[in-house]
Amino acid sequence: MFGAIIEELVEQPDGQLRARVMFRSDLARIYVMPGATFEVWYAQAIGDGVVEPWIGPRRQR
């Protein structure tokens, strides 16, 4: 489990949400790869999704 902060949240025309997140742990980049599935937890599972590839510059911390 890796904590993350939502940096951007956009509703798509089909009603789905697309989010850009920043993980709190550098270790996450080993496990969070395009195509990986995940659950969103807030005291319980409240959603799920699939990691999409990032196309753009790598951000520096």
N, C-alpha and C. Protein backbone atom coordinates (compact mmCIF):
# COMPACT_ATOMS: atom_id res chain seq x y z
N MET A 1 0.85 -1.16 0.00
CA MET A 1 0.00 0.00 0.00
C MET A 1 0.90 1.23 0.00
N PHE A 2 0.59 2.17 -0.89
CA PHE A 2 1.36 3.40 -0.99
C PHE A 2 0.41 4.59 -0.89
N GLY A 3 0.73 5.52 0.00
CA GLY A 3 -0.06 6.74 0.09
C GLY A 3 0.24 7.63 -1.10
N ALA A 4 -0.78 8.34 -1.55
CA ALA A 4 -0.62 9.23 -2.69
C ALA A 4 -1.46 10.48 -2.49
N ILE A 5 -1.05 11.54 -3.14
CA ILE A 5 -1.78 12.80 -3.11
C ILE A 5 -2.28 13.08 -4.52
N ILE A 6 -3.56 13.37 -4.66
CA ILE A 6 -4.12 13.71 -5.97
C ILE A 6 -3.70 15.14 -6.31
N GLU A 7 -3.01 15.29 -7.44
CA GLU A 7 -2.56 16.61 -7.88
C GLU A 7 -3.53 17.23 -8.89
N GLU A 8 -4.21 16.39 -9.65
CA GLU A 8 -5.15 16.88 -10.65
C GLU A 8 -6.23 15.83 -10.83
N LEU A 9 -7.48 16.25 -10.93
CA LEU A 9 -8.62 15.35 -11.10
C LEU A 9 -9.52 15.92 -12.18
N VAL A 10 -9.78 15.13 -13.22
CA VAL A 10 -10.57 15.59 -14.36
C VAL A 10 -11.65 14.56 -14.67
N GLU A 11 -12.89 15.02 -14.78
CA GLU A 11 -13.97 14.11 -15.19
C GLU A 11 -13.96 14.00 -16.70
N GLN A 12 -14.00 12.76 -17.20
CA GLN A 12 -14.00 12.49 -18.62
C GLN A 12 -15.43 12.56 -19.15
N PRO A 13 -15.63 12.70 -20.47
CA PRO A 13 -16.99 12.78 -21.03
C PRO A 13 -17.87 11.57 -20.69
N ASP A 14 -17.25 10.40 -20.47
CA ASP A 14 -18.03 9.20 -20.14
C ASP A 14 -18.34 9.10 -18.64
N GLY A 15 -17.97 10.12 -17.86
CA GLY A 15 -18.26 10.13 -16.42
C GLY A 15 -17.15 9.55 -15.57
N GLN A 16 -16.16 8.90 -16.18
CA GLN A 16 -15.04 8.36 -15.43
C GLN A 16 -14.14 9.50 -14.97
N LEU A 17 -13.36 9.26 -13.93
CA LEU A 17 -12.43 10.26 -13.43
C LEU A 17 -11.01 9.87 -13.82
N ARG A 18 -10.21 10.86 -14.21
CA ARG A 18 -8.79 10.65 -14.49
C ARG A 18 -8.03 11.52 -13.50
N ALA A 19 -7.06 10.92 -12.82
CA ALA A 19 -6.32 11.64 -11.78
C ALA A 19 -4.82 11.51 -12.03
N ARG A 20 -4.10 12.59 -11.72
CA ARG A 20 -2.64 12.54 -11.67
C ARG A 20 -2.29 12.58 -10.19
N VAL A 21 -1.49 11.62 -9.78
CA VAL A 21 -1.16 11.51 -8.36
C VAL A 21 0.34 11.57 -8.13
N MET A 22 0.72 11.99 -6.93
CA MET A 22 2.11 11.98 -6.51
C MET A 22 2.19 11.00 -5.33
N PHE A 23 3.03 9.98 -5.46
CA PHE A 23 3.19 9.00 -4.40
C PHE A 23 4.12 9.52 -3.32
N ARG A 24 3.83 9.16 -2.09
CA ARG A 24 4.63 9.60 -0.96
C ARG A 24 5.93 8.82 -0.82
N SER A 25 6.00 7.66 -1.47
CA SER A 25 7.18 6.80 -1.35
C SER A 25 7.83 6.61 -2.71
N ASP A 26 9.14 6.78 -2.79
CA ASP A 26 9.85 6.51 -4.04
C ASP A 26 9.77 5.03 -4.41
N LEU A 27 9.54 4.17 -3.43
CA LEU A 27 9.43 2.73 -3.68
C LEU A 27 8.24 2.42 -4.58
N ALA A 28 7.25 3.30 -4.62
CA ALA A 28 6.05 3.06 -5.43
C ALA A 28 6.40 2.88 -6.90
N ARG A 29 7.42 3.58 -7.40
CA ARG A 29 7.72 3.47 -8.84
C ARG A 29 8.15 2.06 -9.24
N ILE A 30 8.54 1.22 -8.30
CA ILE A 30 8.87 -0.18 -8.61
C ILE A 30 7.60 -0.98 -8.88
N TYR A 31 6.51 -0.64 -8.20
CA TYR A 31 5.27 -1.41 -8.28
C TYR A 31 4.19 -0.76 -9.13
N VAL A 32 4.20 0.54 -9.24
CA VAL A 32 3.14 1.26 -9.96
C VAL A 32 3.59 1.44 -11.40
N MET A 33 3.23 0.45 -12.22
CA MET A 33 3.62 0.44 -13.61
C MET A 33 2.37 0.51 -14.49
N PRO A 34 2.47 1.03 -15.72
CA PRO A 34 1.31 1.06 -16.60
C PRO A 34 0.67 -0.33 -16.72
N GLY A 35 -0.65 -0.35 -16.61
CA GLY A 35 -1.40 -1.59 -16.69
C GLY A 35 -1.73 -2.20 -15.33
N ALA A 36 -1.03 -1.75 -14.27
CA ALA A 36 -1.30 -2.28 -12.93
C ALA A 36 -2.67 -1.82 -12.46
N THR A 37 -3.40 -2.71 -11.81
CA THR A 37 -4.69 -2.35 -11.24
C THR A 37 -4.51 -1.92 -9.79
N PHE A 38 -5.45 -1.14 -9.28
CA PHE A 38 -5.35 -0.68 -7.90
C PHE A 38 -6.74 -0.41 -7.34
N GLU A 39 -6.82 -0.33 -6.02
CA GLU A 39 -8.03 0.07 -5.32
C GLU A 39 -7.77 1.38 -4.60
N VAL A 40 -8.79 2.21 -4.52
CA VAL A 40 -8.71 3.46 -3.77
C VAL A 40 -9.37 3.20 -2.42
N TRP A 41 -8.60 3.45 -1.36
CA TRP A 41 -9.10 3.21 0.00
C TRP A 41 -9.30 4.52 0.74
N TYR A 42 -10.41 4.60 1.45
CA TYR A 42 -10.67 5.68 2.39
C TYR A 42 -11.46 5.04 3.52
N ALA A 43 -10.75 4.32 4.40
CA ALA A 43 -11.30 3.50 5.47
C ALA A 43 -11.91 2.20 4.93
N GLN A 44 -12.19 2.16 3.64
CA GLN A 44 -12.64 0.96 2.95
C GLN A 44 -12.44 1.19 1.46
N ALA A 45 -12.59 0.15 0.66
CA ALA A 45 -12.43 0.31 -0.79
C ALA A 45 -13.58 1.16 -1.33
N ILE A 46 -13.25 2.29 -1.97
CA ILE A 46 -14.28 3.16 -2.52
C ILE A 46 -14.18 3.31 -4.04
N GLY A 47 -13.18 2.68 -4.64
CA GLY A 47 -13.03 2.76 -6.09
C GLY A 47 -11.88 1.89 -6.55
N ASP A 48 -11.73 1.80 -7.86
CA ASP A 48 -10.60 1.05 -8.42
C ASP A 48 -10.22 1.68 -9.74
N GLY A 49 -9.10 1.23 -10.29
CA GLY A 49 -8.64 1.80 -11.54
C GLY A 49 -7.47 1.05 -12.12
N VAL A 50 -6.93 1.60 -13.19
CA VAL A 50 -5.78 1.04 -13.90
C VAL A 50 -4.78 2.16 -14.12
N VAL A 51 -3.51 1.89 -13.90
CA VAL A 51 -2.45 2.88 -14.12
C VAL A 51 -2.23 3.02 -15.63
N GLU A 52 -2.27 4.27 -16.10
CA GLU A 52 -2.01 4.55 -17.51
C GLU A 52 -0.60 5.10 -17.65
N PRO A 53 0.00 4.94 -18.83
CA PRO A 53 1.35 5.48 -19.02
C PRO A 53 1.33 7.00 -18.96
N TRP A 54 2.40 7.56 -18.42
CA TRP A 54 2.56 9.02 -18.36
C TRP A 54 3.34 9.47 -19.58
N ILE A 55 2.78 10.40 -20.30
CA ILE A 55 3.48 10.97 -21.46
C ILE A 55 3.74 12.44 -21.12
N GLY A 56 4.97 12.75 -20.86
CA GLY A 56 5.31 14.11 -20.50
C GLY A 56 6.63 14.12 -19.74
N PRO A 57 7.09 15.30 -19.37
CA PRO A 57 8.37 15.38 -18.66
C PRO A 57 8.27 14.79 -17.27
N ARG A 58 9.35 14.21 -16.82
CA ARG A 58 9.42 13.68 -15.45
C ARG A 58 9.56 14.85 -14.50
N ARG A 59 8.75 14.86 -13.46
CA ARG A 59 8.79 15.96 -12.49
C ARG A 59 9.87 15.72 -11.46
N GLN A 60 10.54 16.78 -11.09
CA GLN A 60 11.54 16.72 -10.03
C GLN A 60 10.90 17.08 -8.72
N ARG A 61 11.32 16.44 -7.63
CA ARG A 61 10.78 16.75 -6.31
C ARG A 61 11.61 17.82 -5.65
